[in-house]
Amino acid sequence: MFNRLLEILSDCTWKSIEEITPDLRLSQYLDEIGFAEMAFRIEDELGVKIPEEDLMLMHTVSDVWAFIRKADRQG
């Protein structure tokens, strides 16, 4: 699942997978539409819905991954 997340983030940020690090600040590469696209793709491809209020709290790749892991455990 983590590898698929890296692919999604690479597509959305236009960064290579190798450049996607846990502390990468998403706001440097995504605008409001980019965040929405990322959330849509995560829901579509990973089956994890990210509510808008949670999306606004995601600043780094680590934040996104932590949310996905938590949602998957509760799943």
C-alpha atoms as a PDB file:
ATOM      1  CA  MET A   1       0.000   0.000   0.000  1.00  0.00           C
ATOM      2  CA  PHE A   2       2.871   2.388   0.790  1.00  0.00           C
ATOM      3  CA  ASN A   3       4.360   1.919  -2.679  1.00  0.00           C
ATOM      4  CA  ARG A   4       1.015   2.767  -4.273  1.00  0.00           C
ATOM      5  CA  LEU A   5       0.811   5.894  -2.087  1.00  0.00           C
ATOM      6  CA  LEU A   6       4.266   6.910  -3.310  1.00  0.00           C
ATOM      7  CA  GLU A   7       3.084   6.525  -6.911  1.00  0.00           C
ATOM      8  CA  ILE A   8       0.015   8.677  -6.222  1.00  0.00           C
ATOM      9  CA  LEU A   9       2.083  11.360  -4.526  1.00  0.00           C
ATOM     10  CA  SER A  10       4.654  11.289  -7.298  1.00  0.00           C
ATOM     11  CA  ASP A  11       1.922  11.838  -9.893  1.00  0.00           C
ATOM     12  CA  CYS A  12       0.272  14.627  -7.904  1.00  0.00           C
ATOM     13  CA  THR A  13       3.462  16.508  -6.980  1.00  0.00           C
ATOM     14  CA  TRP A  14       5.391  15.889 -10.219  1.00  0.00           C
ATOM     15  CA  LYS A  15       8.282  14.595  -8.091  1.00  0.00           C
ATOM     16  CA  SER A  16      10.009  11.282  -8.736  1.00  0.00           C
ATOM     17  CA  ILE A  17       9.285   8.479  -6.294  1.00  0.00           C
ATOM     18  CA  GLU A  18      12.869   8.761  -5.080  1.00  0.00           C
ATOM     19  CA  GLU A  19      12.220  12.410  -4.145  1.00  0.00           C
ATOM     20  CA  ILE A  20       9.137  11.578  -2.048  1.00  0.00           C
ATOM     21  CA  THR A  21      10.442  11.542   1.519  1.00  0.00           C
ATOM     22  CA  PRO A  22       8.504  11.256   4.797  1.00  0.00           C
ATOM     23  CA  ASP A  23       9.116  14.920   5.634  1.00  0.00           C
ATOM     24  CA  LEU A  24       8.257  16.289   2.171  1.00  0.00           C
ATOM     25  CA  ARG A  25       5.966  19.288   2.716  1.00  0.00           C
ATOM     26  CA  LEU A  26       2.997  18.728   0.442  1.00  0.00           C
ATOM     27  CA  SER A  27       1.963  22.382   0.401  1.00  0.00           C
ATOM     28  CA  GLN A  28       5.158  23.182  -1.492  1.00  0.00           C
ATOM     29  CA  TYR A  29       3.902  21.098  -4.427  1.00  0.00           C
ATOM     30  CA  LEU A  30       0.116  20.935  -4.109  1.00  0.00           C
ATOM     31  CA  ASP A  31      -2.454  23.682  -4.273  1.00  0.00           C
ATOM     32  CA  GLU A  32      -6.073  23.231  -3.151  1.00  0.00           C
ATOM     33  CA  ILE A  33      -6.955  21.331  -6.320  1.00  0.00           C
ATOM     34  CA  GLY A  34      -3.850  19.166  -5.967  1.00  0.00           C
ATOM     35  CA  PHE A  35      -4.820  18.193  -2.419  1.00  0.00           C
ATOM     36  CA  ALA A  36      -8.333  17.323  -3.627  1.00  0.00           C
ATOM     37  CA  GLU A  37      -6.917  15.202  -6.458  1.00  0.00           C
ATOM     38  CA  MET A  38      -4.592  13.425  -4.031  1.00  0.00           C
ATOM     39  CA  ALA A  39      -7.496  12.657  -1.667  1.00  0.00           C
ATOM     40  CA  PHE A  40      -9.686  11.441  -4.534  1.00  0.00           C
ATOM     41  CA  ARG A  41      -6.987   9.113  -5.824  1.00  0.00           C
ATOM     42  CA  ILE A  42      -6.240   7.752  -2.356  1.00  0.00           C
ATOM     43  CA  GLU A  43      -9.919   6.970  -1.898  1.00  0.00           C
ATOM     44  CA  ASP A  44     -10.251   5.504  -5.400  1.00  0.00           C
ATOM     45  CA  GLU A  45      -7.047   3.471  -5.435  1.00  0.00           C
ATOM     46  CA  LEU A  46      -6.472   2.638  -1.772  1.00  0.00           C
ATOM     47  CA  GLY A  47     -10.049   2.646  -0.504  1.00  0.00           C
ATOM     48  CA  VAL A  48      -9.367   5.234   2.217  1.00  0.00           C
ATOM     49  CA  LYS A  49     -11.624   8.273   2.377  1.00  0.00           C
ATOM     50  CA  ILE A  50      -9.976  11.415   3.733  1.00  0.00           C
ATOM     51  CA  PRO A  51     -12.519  13.934   5.051  1.00  0.00           C
ATOM     52  CA  GLU A  52     -11.765  17.548   4.153  1.00  0.00           C
ATOM     53  CA  GLU A  53     -11.151  18.535   7.776  1.00  0.00           C
ATOM     54  CA  ASP A  54      -8.496  15.795   8.067  1.00  0.00           C
ATOM     55  CA  LEU A  55      -6.995  16.672   4.710  1.00  0.00           C
ATOM     56  CA  MET A  56      -6.324  20.209   5.934  1.00  0.00           C
ATOM     57  CA  LEU A  57      -4.189  18.764   8.766  1.00  0.00           C
ATOM     58  CA  MET A  58      -1.922  16.795   6.438  1.00  0.00           C
ATOM     59  CA  HIS A  59       1.298  18.703   5.923  1.00  0.00           C
ATOM     60  CA  THR A  60       3.795  15.961   5.110  1.00  0.00           C
ATOM     61  CA  VAL A  61       3.929  12.537   3.484  1.00  0.00           C
ATOM     62  CA  SER A  62       4.215  11.087   7.002  1.00  0.00           C
ATOM     63  CA  ASP A  63       0.906  12.705   7.948  1.00  0.00           C
ATOM     64  CA  VAL A  64      -0.839  11.111   4.970  1.00  0.00           C
ATOM     65  CA  TRP A  65       0.688   7.700   5.623  1.00  0.00           C
ATOM     66  CA  ALA A  66      -0.226   7.813   9.326  1.00  0.00           C
ATOM     67  CA  PHE A  67      -3.844   8.623   8.446  1.00  0.00           C
ATOM     68  CA  ILE A  68      -4.011   5.769   5.915  1.00  0.00           C
ATOM     69  CA  ARG A  69      -2.509   3.279   8.362  1.00  0.00           C
ATOM     70  CA  LYS A  70      -4.926   4.333  11.105  1.00  0.00           C
ATOM     71  CA  ALA A  71      -7.924   4.108   8.750  1.00  0.00           C
ATOM     72  CA  ASP A  72      -6.760   0.700   7.485  1.00  0.00           C
ATOM     73  CA  ARG A  73      -6.514  -0.656  11.041  1.00  0.00           C
ATOM     74  CA  GLN A  74      -9.994   0.603  11.864  1.00  0.00           C
ATOM     75  CA  GLY A  75     -11.267  -0.589   8.529  1.00  0.00           C
END
